[in-house]
Amino acid sequence: DDHKDFDCNTLQPGCTNVCFDHFFPVSHIRLWALQLIMVT
């Protein structure tokens, strides 16, 4: 729920998505999934 529950105190369209992408460029779980695949 990291994207759904990433709350910003603004209603400006697109602001929340841009800020989320800036602070979460790649999701932890996707990086861990790629890491586990490559390490095995």
PDB file of all heavy atoms in Angstrom:
ATOM      1  N   ASP A   1       0.812  -1.210   0.000  1.00  0.00           N
ATOM      2  CA  ASP A   1       0.000   0.000   0.000  1.00  0.00           C
ATOM      3  C   ASP A   1       0.848   1.263   0.000  1.00  0.00           C
ATOM      4  O   ASP A   1       0.367   2.330   0.391  1.00  0.00           O
ATOM      5  CB  ASP A   1      -0.935   0.007   1.218  1.00  0.00           C
ATOM      6  CG  ASP A   1      -0.153  -0.076   2.527  1.00  0.00           C
ATOM      7  OD1 ASP A   1       1.077  -0.272   2.477  1.00  0.00           O
ATOM      8  OD2 ASP A   1      -0.766   0.074   3.602  1.00  0.00           O
ATOM      9  N   ASP A   2       2.127   1.159  -0.419  1.00  0.00           N
ATOM     10  CA  ASP A   2       3.021   2.309  -0.286  1.00  0.00           C
ATOM     11  C   ASP A   2       2.564   3.494  -1.127  1.00  0.00           C
ATOM     12  O   ASP A   2       2.662   4.646  -0.697  1.00  0.00           O
ATOM     13  CB  ASP A   2       4.467   1.926  -0.623  1.00  0.00           C
ATOM     14  CG  ASP A   2       4.582   1.253  -1.975  1.00  0.00           C
ATOM     15  OD1 ASP A   2       3.534   0.944  -2.572  1.00  0.00           O
ATOM     16  OD2 ASP A   2       5.720   1.032  -2.426  1.00  0.00           O
ATOM     17  N   HIS A   3       2.036   3.258  -2.314  1.00  0.00           N
ATOM     18  CA  HIS A   3       1.590   4.371  -3.154  1.00  0.00           C
ATOM     19  C   HIS A   3       0.212   4.874  -2.733  1.00  0.00           C
ATOM     20  O   HIS A   3      -0.027   6.079  -2.669  1.00  0.00           O
ATOM     21  CB  HIS A   3       1.555   3.951  -4.624  1.00  0.00           C
ATOM     22  CG  HIS A   3       1.202   5.074  -5.552  1.00  0.00           C
ATOM     23  ND1 HIS A   3      -0.098   5.328  -5.942  1.00  0.00           N
ATOM     24  CD2 HIS A   3       1.971   6.017  -6.153  1.00  0.00           C
ATOM     25  CE1 HIS A   3      -0.109   6.378  -6.751  1.00  0.00           C
ATOM     26  NE2 HIS A   3       1.125   6.815  -6.897  1.00  0.00           N
ATOM     27  N   LYS A   4      -0.664   3.948  -2.413  1.00  0.00           N
ATOM     28  CA  LYS A   4      -2.040   4.334  -2.048  1.00  0.00           C
ATOM     29  C   LYS A   4      -2.058   5.171  -0.777  1.00  0.00           C
ATOM     30  O   LYS A   4      -2.835   6.123  -0.657  1.00  0.00           O
ATOM     31  CB  LYS A   4      -2.884   3.068  -1.860  1.00  0.00           C
ATOM     32  CG  LYS A   4      -4.338   3.350  -1.509  1.00  0.00           C
ATOM     33  CD  LYS A   4      -5.110   2.058  -1.330  1.00  0.00           C
ATOM     34  CE  LYS A   4      -4.618   1.274  -0.134  1.00  0.00           C
ATOM     35  NZ  LYS A   4      -5.436   0.059   0.117  1.00  0.00           N
ATOM     36  N   ASP A   5      -1.190   4.837   0.187  1.00  0.00           N
ATOM     37  CA  ASP A   5      -1.187   5.530   1.475  1.00  0.00           C
ATOM     38  C   ASP A   5      -0.095   6.585   1.584  1.00  0.00           C
ATOM     39  O   ASP A   5       0.243   7.014   2.688  1.00  0.00           O
ATOM     40  CB  ASP A   5      -1.023   4.509   2.608  1.00  0.00           C
ATOM     41  CG  ASP A   5      -2.242   3.606   2.735  1.00  0.00           C
ATOM     42  OD1 ASP A   5      -3.311   4.009   2.237  1.00  0.00           O
ATOM     43  OD2 ASP A   5      -2.122   2.512   3.296  1.00  0.00           O
ATOM     44  N   PHE A   6       0.462   6.988   0.462  1.00  0.00           N
ATOM     45  CA  PHE A   6       1.423   8.093   0.455  1.00  0.00           C
ATOM     46  C   PHE A   6       0.627   9.390   0.365  1.00  0.00           C
ATOM     47  O   PHE A   6       0.150   9.790  -0.690  1.00  0.00           O
ATOM     48  CB  PHE A   6       2.379   7.948  -0.734  1.00  0.00           C
ATOM     49  CG  PHE A   6       3.463   8.987  -0.790  1.00  0.00           C
ATOM     50  CD1 PHE A   6       4.586   8.886   0.006  1.00  0.00           C
ATOM     51  CD2 PHE A   6       3.364  10.066  -1.665  1.00  0.00           C
ATOM     52  CE1 PHE A   6       5.604   9.834  -0.059  1.00  0.00           C
ATOM     53  CE2 PHE A   6       4.362  11.023  -1.739  1.00  0.00           C
ATOM     54  CZ  PHE A   6       5.485  10.908  -0.927  1.00  0.00           C
ATOM     55  N   ASP A   7       0.450  10.055   1.500  1.00  0.00           N
ATOM     56  CA  ASP A   7      -0.447  11.213   1.588  1.00  0.00           C
ATOM     57  C   ASP A   7       0.340  12.517   1.555  1.00  0.00           C
ATOM     58  O   ASP A   7       1.334  12.679   2.270  1.00  0.00           O
ATOM     59  CB  ASP A   7      -1.262  11.154   2.884  1.00  0.00           C
ATOM     60  CG  ASP A   7      -2.230   9.980   2.885  1.00  0.00           C
ATOM     61  OD1 ASP A   7      -2.711   9.624   1.802  1.00  0.00           O
ATOM     62  OD2 ASP A   7      -2.476   9.429   3.969  1.00  0.00           O
ATOM     63  N   CYS A   8      -0.130  13.450   0.735  1.00  0.00           N
ATOM     64  CA  CYS A   8       0.434  14.796   0.685  1.00  0.00           C
ATOM     65  C   CYS A   8      -0.677  15.805   1.002  1.00  0.00           C
ATOM     66  O   CYS A   8      -1.828  15.608   0.602  1.00  0.00           O
ATOM     67  CB  CYS A   8       1.031  15.095  -0.692  1.00  0.00           C
ATOM     68  SG  CYS A   8       2.426  14.026  -1.142  1.00  0.00           S
ATOM     69  N   ASN A   9      -0.317  16.876   1.689  1.00  0.00           N
ATOM     70  CA  ASN A   9      -1.322  17.856   2.115  1.00  0.00           C
ATOM     71  C   ASN A   9      -1.615  18.865   0.992  1.00  0.00           C
ATOM     72  O   ASN A   9      -1.449  20.070   1.152  1.00  0.00           O
ATOM     73  CB  ASN A   9      -0.876  18.582   3.391  1.00  0.00           C
ATOM     74  CG  ASN A   9       0.447  19.309   3.209  1.00  0.00           C
ATOM     75  OD1 ASN A   9       1.110  19.167   2.178  1.00  0.00           O
ATOM     76  ND2 ASN A   9       0.827  20.091   4.208  1.00  0.00           N
ATOM     77  N   THR A  10      -2.019  18.304  -0.158  1.00  0.00           N
ATOM     78  CA  THR A  10      -2.415  19.138  -1.289  1.00  0.00           C
ATOM     79  C   THR A  10      -3.385  18.353  -2.156  1.00  0.00           C
ATOM     80  O   THR A  10      -3.352  17.122  -2.195  1.00  0.00           O
ATOM     81  CB  THR A  10      -1.192  19.557  -2.128  1.00  0.00           C
ATOM     82  OG1 THR A  10      -1.629  20.363  -3.232  1.00  0.00           O
ATOM     83  CG2 THR A  10      -0.472  18.336  -2.683  1.00  0.00           C
ATOM     84  N   LEU A  11      -4.237  19.085  -2.860  1.00  0.00           N
ATOM     85  CA  LEU A  11      -5.161  18.472  -3.815  1.00  0.00           C
ATOM     86  C   LEU A  11      -4.746  18.757  -5.252  1.00  0.00           C
ATOM     87  O   LEU A  11      -5.490  18.462  -6.185  1.00  0.00           O
ATOM     88  CB  LEU A  11      -6.586  18.976  -3.577  1.00  0.00           C
ATOM     89  CG  LEU A  11      -7.193  18.634  -2.200  1.00  0.00           C
ATOM     90  CD1 LEU A  11      -8.590  19.243  -2.081  1.00  0.00           C
ATOM     91  CD2 LEU A  11      -7.253  17.124  -2.010  1.00  0.00           C
ATOM     92  N   GLN A  12      -3.557  19.326  -5.442  1.00  0.00           N
ATOM     93  CA  GLN A  12      -3.070  19.641  -6.783  1.00  0.00           C
ATOM     94  C   GLN A  12      -2.911  18.350  -7.586  1.00  0.00           C
ATOM     95  O   GLN A  12      -2.179  17.445  -7.179  1.00  0.00           O
ATOM     96  CB  GLN A  12      -1.724  20.367  -6.692  1.00  0.00           C
ATOM     97  CG  GLN A  12      -1.077  20.662  -8.041  1.00  0.00           C
ATOM     98  CD  GLN A  12      -1.868  21.703  -8.836  1.00  0.00           C
ATOM     99  OE1 GLN A  12      -2.488  22.594  -8.259  1.00  0.00           O
ATOM    100  NE2 GLN A  12      -1.850  21.573 -10.145  1.00  0.00           N
ATOM    101  N   PRO A  13      -3.579  18.218  -8.725  1.00  0.00           N
ATOM    102  CA  PRO A  13      -3.462  16.990  -9.532  1.00  0.00           C
ATOM    103  C   PRO A  13      -2.013  16.742  -9.961  1.00  0.00           C
ATOM    104  O   PRO A  13      -1.317  17.649 -10.429  1.00  0.00           O
ATOM    105  CB  PRO A  13      -4.349  17.277 -10.745  1.00  0.00           C
ATOM    106  CG  PRO A  13      -5.306  18.330 -10.273  1.00  0.00           C
ATOM    107  CD  PRO A  13      -4.543  19.175  -9.302  1.00  0.00           C
ATOM    108  N   GLY A  14      -1.571  15.524  -9.780  1.00  0.00           N
ATOM    109  CA  GLY A  14      -0.239  15.119 -10.206  1.00  0.00           C
ATOM    110  C   GLY A  14       0.853  15.338  -9.181  1.00  0.00           C
ATOM    111  O   GLY A  14       1.932  14.746  -9.289  1.00  0.00           O
ATOM    112  N   CYS A  15       0.626  16.160  -8.180  1.00  0.00           N
ATOM    113  CA  CYS A  15       1.666  16.468  -7.197  1.00  0.00           C
ATOM    114  C   CYS A  15       2.055  15.225  -6.399  1.00  0.00           C
ATOM    115  O   CYS A  15       3.245  14.939  -6.214  1.00  0.00           O
ATOM    116  CB  CYS A  15       1.204  17.588  -6.265  1.00  0.00           C
ATOM    117  SG  CYS A  15       2.408  18.020  -4.982  1.00  0.00           S
ATOM    118  N   THR A  16       1.078  14.499  -5.908  1.00  0.00           N
ATOM    119  CA  THR A  16       1.370  13.305  -5.108  1.00  0.00           C
ATOM    120  C   THR A  16       2.144  12.266  -5.909  1.00  0.00           C
ATOM    121  O   THR A  16       3.102  11.662  -5.412  1.00  0.00           O
ATOM    122  CB  THR A  16       0.059  12.691  -4.579  1.00  0.00           C
ATOM    123  OG1 THR A  16      -0.632  13.658  -3.774  1.00  0.00           O
ATOM    124  CG2 THR A  16       0.337  11.451  -3.743  1.00  0.00           C
ATOM    125  N   ASN A  17       1.738  12.065  -7.171  1.00  0.00           N
ATOM    126  CA  ASN A  17       2.434  11.079  -8.002  1.00  0.00           C
ATOM    127  C   ASN A  17       3.882  11.472  -8.253  1.00  0.00           C
ATOM    128  O   ASN A  17       4.795  10.628  -8.218  1.00  0.00           O
ATOM    129  CB  ASN A  17       1.708  10.918  -9.337  1.00  0.00           C
ATOM    130  CG  ASN A  17       0.393  10.192  -9.196  1.00  0.00           C
ATOM    131  OD1 ASN A  17       0.206   9.417  -8.264  1.00  0.00           O
ATOM    132  ND2 ASN A  17      -0.533  10.443 -10.115  1.00  0.00           N
ATOM    133  N   VAL A  18       4.117  12.754  -8.522  1.00  0.00           N
ATOM    134  CA  VAL A  18       5.476  13.222  -8.784  1.00  0.00           C
ATOM    135  C   VAL A  18       6.341  13.079  -7.539  1.00  0.00           C
ATOM    136  O   VAL A  18       7.495  12.631  -7.609  1.00  0.00           O
ATOM    137  CB  VAL A  18       5.449  14.685  -9.275  1.00  0.00           C
ATOM    138  CG1 VAL A  18       6.860  15.274  -9.301  1.00  0.00           C
ATOM    139  CG2 VAL A  18       4.827  14.781 -10.656  1.00  0.00           C
ATOM    140  N   CYS A  19       5.806  13.442  -6.385  1.00  0.00           N
ATOM    141  CA  CYS A  19       6.570  13.347  -5.142  1.00  0.00           C
ATOM    142  C   CYS A  19       6.853  11.888  -4.783  1.00  0.00           C
ATOM    143  O   CYS A  19       7.959  11.556  -4.330  1.00  0.00           O
ATOM    144  CB  CYS A  19       5.800  14.024  -4.008  1.00  0.00           C
ATOM    145  SG  CYS A  19       5.649  15.815  -4.209  1.00  0.00           S
ATOM    146  N   PHE A  20       5.879  11.026  -4.991  1.00  0.00           N
ATOM    147  CA  PHE A  20       6.095   9.603  -4.699  1.00  0.00           C
ATOM    148  C   PHE A  20       7.192   9.032  -5.591  1.00  0.00           C
ATOM    149  O   PHE A  20       8.062   8.286  -5.132  1.00  0.00           O
ATOM    150  CB  PHE A  20       4.793   8.825  -4.900  1.00  0.00           C
ATOM    151  CG  PHE A  20       4.925   7.355  -4.633  1.00  0.00           C
ATOM    152  CD1 PHE A  20       4.831   6.871  -3.335  1.00  0.00           C
ATOM    153  CD2 PHE A  20       5.138   6.465  -5.671  1.00  0.00           C
ATOM    154  CE1 PHE A  20       4.969   5.511  -3.076  1.00  0.00           C
ATOM    155  CE2 PHE A  20       5.282   5.100  -5.412  1.00  0.00           C
ATOM    156  CZ  PHE A  20       5.194   4.630  -4.121  1.00  0.00           C
ATOM    157  N   ASP A  21       7.163   9.394  -6.871  1.00  0.00           N
ATOM    158  CA  ASP A  21       8.183   8.897  -7.798  1.00  0.00           C
ATOM    159  C   ASP A  21       9.571   9.417  -7.424  1.00  0.00           C
ATOM    160  O   ASP A  21      10.575   8.727  -7.623  1.00  0.00           O
ATOM    161  CB  ASP A  21       7.834   9.315  -9.228  1.00  0.00           C
ATOM    162  CG  ASP A  21       8.828   8.794 -10.241  1.00  0.00           C
ATOM    163  OD1 ASP A  21       8.870   7.568 -10.452  1.00  0.00           O
ATOM    164  OD2 ASP A  21       9.580   9.612 -10.825  1.00  0.00           O
ATOM    165  N   HIS A  22       9.627  10.620  -6.868  1.00  0.00           N
ATOM    166  CA  HIS A  22      10.916  11.194  -6.488  1.00  0.00           C
ATOM    167  C   HIS A  22      11.508  10.494  -5.269  1.00  0.00           C
ATOM    168  O   HIS A  22      12.713  10.203  -5.237  1.00  0.00           O
ATOM    169  CB  HIS A  22      10.743  12.688  -6.187  1.00  0.00           C
ATOM    170  CG  HIS A  22      11.998  13.365  -5.728  1.00  0.00           C
ATOM    171  ND1 HIS A  22      13.056  13.632  -6.569  1.00  0.00           N
ATOM    172  CD2 HIS A  22      12.372  13.821  -4.487  1.00  0.00           C
ATOM    173  CE1 HIS A  22      14.022  14.226  -5.892  1.00  0.00           C
ATOM    174  NE2 HIS A  22      13.631  14.353  -4.634  1.00  0.00           N
ATOM    175  N   PHE A  23      10.689  10.212  -4.273  1.00  0.00           N
ATOM    176  CA  PHE A  23      11.185   9.604  -3.047  1.00  0.00           C
ATOM    177  C   PHE A  23      11.216   8.078  -3.104  1.00  0.00           C
ATOM    178  O   PHE A  23      11.923   7.447  -2.327  1.00  0.00           O
ATOM    179  CB  PHE A  23      10.339  10.053  -1.857  1.00  0.00           C
ATOM    180  CG  PHE A  23      10.505  11.510  -1.524  1.00  0.00           C
ATOM    181  CD1 PHE A  23       9.510  12.425  -1.839  1.00  0.00           C
ATOM    182  CD2 PHE A  23      11.663  11.975  -0.932  1.00  0.00           C
ATOM    183  CE1 PHE A  23       9.669  13.773  -1.541  1.00  0.00           C
ATOM    184  CE2 PHE A  23      11.827  13.316  -0.631  1.00  0.00           C
ATOM    185  CZ  PHE A  23      10.826  14.221  -0.945  1.00  0.00           C
ATOM    186  N   PHE A  24      10.460   7.479  -4.030  1.00  0.00           N
ATOM    187  CA  PHE A  24      10.471   6.031  -4.225  1.00  0.00           C
ATOM    188  C   PHE A  24      10.755   5.723  -5.698  1.00  0.00           C
ATOM    189  O   PHE A  24       9.870   5.274  -6.422  1.00  0.00           O
ATOM    190  CB  PHE A  24       9.133   5.399  -3.816  1.00  0.00           C
ATOM    191  CG  PHE A  24       8.874   5.421  -2.342  1.00  0.00           C
ATOM    192  CD1 PHE A  24       8.239   6.504  -1.752  1.00  0.00           C
ATOM    193  CD2 PHE A  24       9.261   4.358  -1.540  1.00  0.00           C
ATOM    194  CE1 PHE A  24       7.991   6.532  -0.394  1.00  0.00           C
ATOM    195  CE2 PHE A  24       9.010   4.377  -0.176  1.00  0.00           C
ATOM    196  CZ  PHE A  24       8.377   5.470   0.403  1.00  0.00           C
ATOM    197  N   PRO A  25      11.973   5.993  -6.181  1.00  0.00           N
ATOM    198  CA  PRO A  25      12.269   5.757  -7.599  1.00  0.00           C
ATOM    199  C   PRO A  25      12.074   4.301  -8.008  1.00  0.00           C
ATOM    200  O   PRO A  25      11.643   4.015  -9.123  1.00  0.00           O
ATOM    201  CB  PRO A  25      13.729   6.191  -7.734  1.00  0.00           C
ATOM    202  CG  PRO A  25      14.276   6.135  -6.338  1.00  0.00           C
ATOM    203  CD  PRO A  25      13.148   6.471  -5.434  1.00  0.00           C
ATOM    204  N   VAL A  26      12.407   3.373  -7.109  1.00  0.00           N
ATOM    205  CA  VAL A  26      12.175   1.940  -7.340  1.00  0.00           C
ATOM    206  C   VAL A  26      11.672   1.347  -6.032  1.00  0.00           C
ATOM    207  O   VAL A  26      12.225   1.624  -4.959  1.00  0.00           O
ATOM    208  CB  VAL A  26      13.458   1.211  -7.785  1.00  0.00           C
ATOM    209  CG1 VAL A  26      13.158  -0.256  -8.080  1.00  0.00           C
ATOM    210  CG2 VAL A  26      14.067   1.868  -9.012  1.00  0.00           C
ATOM    211  N   SER A  27      10.653   0.532  -6.137  1.00  0.00           N
ATOM    212  CA  SER A  27      10.075  -0.074  -4.943  1.00  0.00           C
ATOM    213  C   SER A  27      11.052  -1.057  -4.295  1.00  0.00           C
ATOM    214  O   SER A  27      11.786  -1.776  -4.975  1.00  0.00           O
ATOM    215  CB  SER A  27       8.780  -0.805  -5.302  1.00  0.00           C
ATOM    216  OG  SER A  27       8.290  -1.537  -4.205  1.00  0.00           O
ATOM    217  N   HIS A  28      11.039  -1.084  -2.959  1.00  0.00           N
ATOM    218  CA  HIS A  28      11.882  -2.033  -2.229  1.00  0.00           C
ATOM    219  C   HIS A  28      11.611  -3.474  -2.663  1.00  0.00           C
ATOM    220  O   HIS A  28      12.550  -4.237  -2.906  1.00  0.00           O
ATOM    221  CB  HIS A  28      11.613  -1.912  -0.722  1.00  0.00           C
ATOM    222  CG  HIS A  28      12.248  -0.722  -0.082  1.00  0.00           C
ATOM    223  ND1 HIS A  28      11.873   0.564  -0.364  1.00  0.00           N
ATOM    224  CD2 HIS A  28      13.249  -0.631   0.847  1.00  0.00           C
ATOM    225  CE1 HIS A  28      12.594   1.412   0.363  1.00  0.00           C
ATOM    226  NE2 HIS A  28      13.435   0.720   1.101  1.00  0.00           N
ATOM    227  N   ILE A  29      10.339  -3.832  -2.725  1.00  0.00           N
ATOM    228  CA  ILE A  29      10.019  -5.232  -3.002  1.00  0.00           C
ATOM    229  C   ILE A  29      10.427  -5.642  -4.411  1.00  0.00           C
ATOM    230  O   ILE A  29      10.811  -6.791  -4.646  1.00  0.00           O
ATOM    231  CB  ILE A  29       8.520  -5.522  -2.764  1.00  0.00           C
ATOM    232  CG1 ILE A  29       7.630  -4.600  -3.606  1.00  0.00           C
ATOM    233  CG2 ILE A  29       8.171  -5.412  -1.304  1.00  0.00           C
ATOM    234  CD1 ILE A  29       6.160  -4.963  -3.523  1.00  0.00           C
ATOM    235  N   ARG A  30      10.367  -4.714  -5.385  1.00  0.00           N
ATOM    236  CA  ARG A  30      10.804  -5.051  -6.739  1.00  0.00           C
ATOM    237  C   ARG A  30      12.318  -5.203  -6.804  1.00  0.00           C
ATOM    238  O   ARG A  30      12.836  -6.080  -7.501  1.00  0.00           O
ATOM    239  CB  ARG A  30      10.313  -3.989  -7.720  1.00  0.00           C
ATOM    240  CG  ARG A  30       8.801  -4.018  -7.916  1.00  0.00           C
ATOM    241  CD  ARG A  30       8.320  -2.964  -8.906  1.00  0.00           C
ATOM    242  NE  ARG A  30       6.883  -3.027  -9.090  1.00  0.00           N
ATOM    243  CZ  ARG A  30       5.997  -2.412  -8.321  1.00  0.00           C
ATOM    244  NH1 ARG A  30       6.421  -1.673  -7.307  1.00  0.00           N
ATOM    245  NH2 ARG A  30       4.703  -2.520  -8.543  1.00  0.00           N
ATOM    246  N   LEU A  31      13.024  -4.354  -6.077  1.00  0.00           N
ATOM    247  CA  LEU A  31      14.485  -4.510  -6.015  1.00  0.00           C
ATOM    248  C   LEU A  31      14.860  -5.817  -5.321  1.00  0.00           C
ATOM    249  O   LEU A  31      15.774  -6.519  -5.765  1.00  0.00           O
ATOM    250  CB  LEU A  31      15.104  -3.318  -5.280  1.00  0.00           C
ATOM    251  CG  LEU A  31      15.372  -2.058  -6.105  1.00  0.00           C
ATOM    252  CD1 LEU A  31      15.893  -0.946  -5.202  1.00  0.00           C
ATOM    253  CD2 LEU A  31      16.385  -2.338  -7.216  1.00  0.00           C
ATOM    254  N   TRP A  32      14.171  -6.137  -4.240  1.00  0.00           N
ATOM    255  CA  TRP A  32      14.461  -7.390  -3.550  1.00  0.00           C
ATOM    256  C   TRP A  32      14.124  -8.588  -4.427  1.00  0.00           C
ATOM    257  O   TRP A  32      14.850  -9.591  -4.413  1.00  0.00           O
ATOM    258  CB  TRP A  32      13.671  -7.465  -2.248  1.00  0.00           C
ATOM    259  CG  TRP A  32      14.289  -6.673  -1.137  1.00  0.00           C
ATOM    260  CD1 TRP A  32      15.625  -6.430  -0.939  1.00  0.00           C
ATOM    261  CD2 TRP A  32      13.599  -6.007  -0.072  1.00  0.00           C
ATOM    262  NE1 TRP A  32      15.801  -5.661   0.173  1.00  0.00           N
ATOM    263  CE2 TRP A  32      14.587  -5.382   0.742  1.00  0.00           C
ATOM    264  CE3 TRP A  32      12.269  -5.882   0.286  1.00  0.00           C
ATOM    265  CZ2 TRP A  32      14.261  -4.649   1.883  1.00  0.00           C
ATOM    266  CZ3 TRP A  32      11.946  -5.150   1.419  1.00  0.00           C
ATOM    267  CH2 TRP A  32      12.930  -4.543   2.202  1.00  0.00           C
ATOM    268  N   ALA A  33      13.034  -8.510  -5.189  1.00  0.00           N
ATOM    269  CA  ALA A  33      12.681  -9.610  -6.083  1.00  0.00           C
ATOM    270  C   ALA A  33      13.768  -9.815  -7.130  1.00  0.00           C
ATOM    271  O   ALA A  33      14.202 -10.952  -7.390  1.00  0.00           O
ATOM    272  CB  ALA A  33      11.338  -9.327  -6.759  1.00  0.00           C
ATOM    273  N   LEU A  34      14.223  -8.716  -7.739  1.00  0.00           N
ATOM    274  CA  LEU A  34      15.295  -8.810  -8.733  1.00  0.00           C
ATOM    275  C   LEU A  34      16.580  -9.335  -8.100  1.00  0.00           C
ATOM    276  O   LEU A  34      17.291 -10.157  -8.698  1.00  0.00           O
ATOM    277  CB  LEU A  34      15.529  -7.435  -9.356  1.00  0.00           C
ATOM    278  CG  LEU A  34      16.600  -7.355 -10.455  1.00  0.00           C
ATOM    279  CD1 LEU A  34      16.257  -8.264 -11.617  1.00  0.00           C
ATOM    280  CD2 LEU A  34      16.774  -5.916 -10.920  1.00  0.00           C
ATOM    281  N   GLN A  35      16.866  -8.893  -6.890  1.00  0.00           N
ATOM    282  CA  GLN A  35      18.067  -9.346  -6.194  1.00  0.00           C
ATOM    283  C   GLN A  35      18.013 -10.849  -5.922  1.00  0.00           C
ATOM    284  O   GLN A  35      18.995 -11.568  -6.147  1.00  0.00           O
ATOM    285  CB  GLN A  35      18.227  -8.577  -4.886  1.00  0.00           C
ATOM    286  CG  GLN A  35      19.469  -8.952  -4.082  1.00  0.00           C
ATOM    287  CD  GLN A  35      19.554  -8.177  -2.779  1.00  0.00           C
ATOM    288  OE1 GLN A  35      18.653  -7.419  -2.432  1.00  0.00           O
ATOM    289  NE2 GLN A  35      20.639  -8.350  -2.054  1.00  0.00           N
ATOM    290  N   LEU A  36      16.865 -11.339  -5.441  1.00  0.00           N
ATOM    291  CA  LEU A  36      16.731 -12.770  -5.154  1.00  0.00           C
ATOM    292  C   LEU A  36      16.838 -13.612  -6.418  1.00  0.00           C
ATOM    293  O   LEU A  36      17.416 -14.705  -6.398  1.00  0.00           O
ATOM    294  CB  LEU A  36      15.397 -13.026  -4.448  1.00  0.00           C
ATOM    295  CG  LEU A  36      15.310 -12.557  -2.992  1.00  0.00           C
ATOM    296  CD1 LEU A  36      13.883 -12.657  -2.487  1.00  0.00           C
ATOM    297  CD2 LEU A  36      16.249 -13.377  -2.114  1.00  0.00           C
ATOM    298  N   ILE A  37      16.292 -13.104  -7.523  1.00  0.00           N
ATOM    299  CA  ILE A  37      16.395 -13.836  -8.786  1.00  0.00           C
ATOM    300  C   ILE A  37      17.853 -13.939  -9.228  1.00  0.00           C
ATOM    301  O   ILE A  37      18.351 -15.020  -9.571  1.00  0.00           O
ATOM    302  CB  ILE A  37      15.549 -13.150  -9.876  1.00  0.00           C
ATOM    303  CG1 ILE A  37      14.058 -13.299  -9.571  1.00  0.00           C
ATOM    304  CG2 ILE A  37      15.852 -13.737 -11.254  1.00  0.00           C
ATOM    305  CD1 ILE A  37      13.160 -12.479 -10.473  1.00  0.00           C
ATOM    306  N   MET A  38      18.551 -12.811  -9.203  1.00  0.00           N
ATOM    307  CA  MET A  38      19.928 -12.789  -9.686  1.00  0.00           C
ATOM    308  C   MET A  38      20.878 -13.553  -8.773  1.00  0.00           C
ATOM    309  O   MET A  38      21.849 -14.157  -9.235  1.00  0.00           O
ATOM    310  CB  MET A  38      20.394 -11.341  -9.842  1.00  0.00           C
ATOM    311  CG  MET A  38      19.668 -10.566 -10.918  1.00  0.00           C
ATOM    312  SD  MET A  38      20.378  -8.936 -11.212  1.00  0.00           S
ATOM    313  CE  MET A  38      21.978  -9.375 -11.894  1.00  0.00           C
ATOM    314  N   VAL A  39      20.610 -13.546  -7.466  1.00  0.00           N
ATOM    315  CA  VAL A  39      21.522 -14.199  -6.540  1.00  0.00           C
ATOM    316  C   VAL A  39      21.342 -15.716  -6.535  1.00  0.00           C
ATOM    317  O   VAL A  39      22.237 -16.451  -6.092  1.00  0.00           O
ATOM    318  CB  VAL A  39      21.336 -13.621  -5.119  1.00  0.00           C
ATOM    319  CG1 VAL A  39      20.224 -14.317  -4.358  1.00  0.00           C
ATOM    320  CG2 VAL A  39      22.634 -13.690  -4.333  1.00  0.00           C
ATOM    321  N   THR A  40      20.201 -16.216  -7.018  1.00  0.00           N
ATOM    322  CA  THR A  40      19.979 -17.660  -7.068  1.00  0.00           C
ATOM    323  C   THR A  40      20.293 -18.261  -8.431  1.00  0.00           C
ATOM    324  O   THR A  40      20.462 -19.475  -8.531  1.00  0.00           O
ATOM    325  CB  THR A  40      18.532 -17.999  -6.703  1.00  0.00           C
ATOM    326  OG1 THR A  40      17.629 -17.213  -7.497  1.00  0.00           O
ATOM    327  CG2 THR A  40      18.259 -17.730  -5.236  1.00  0.00           C
TER     328      THR A  40
END
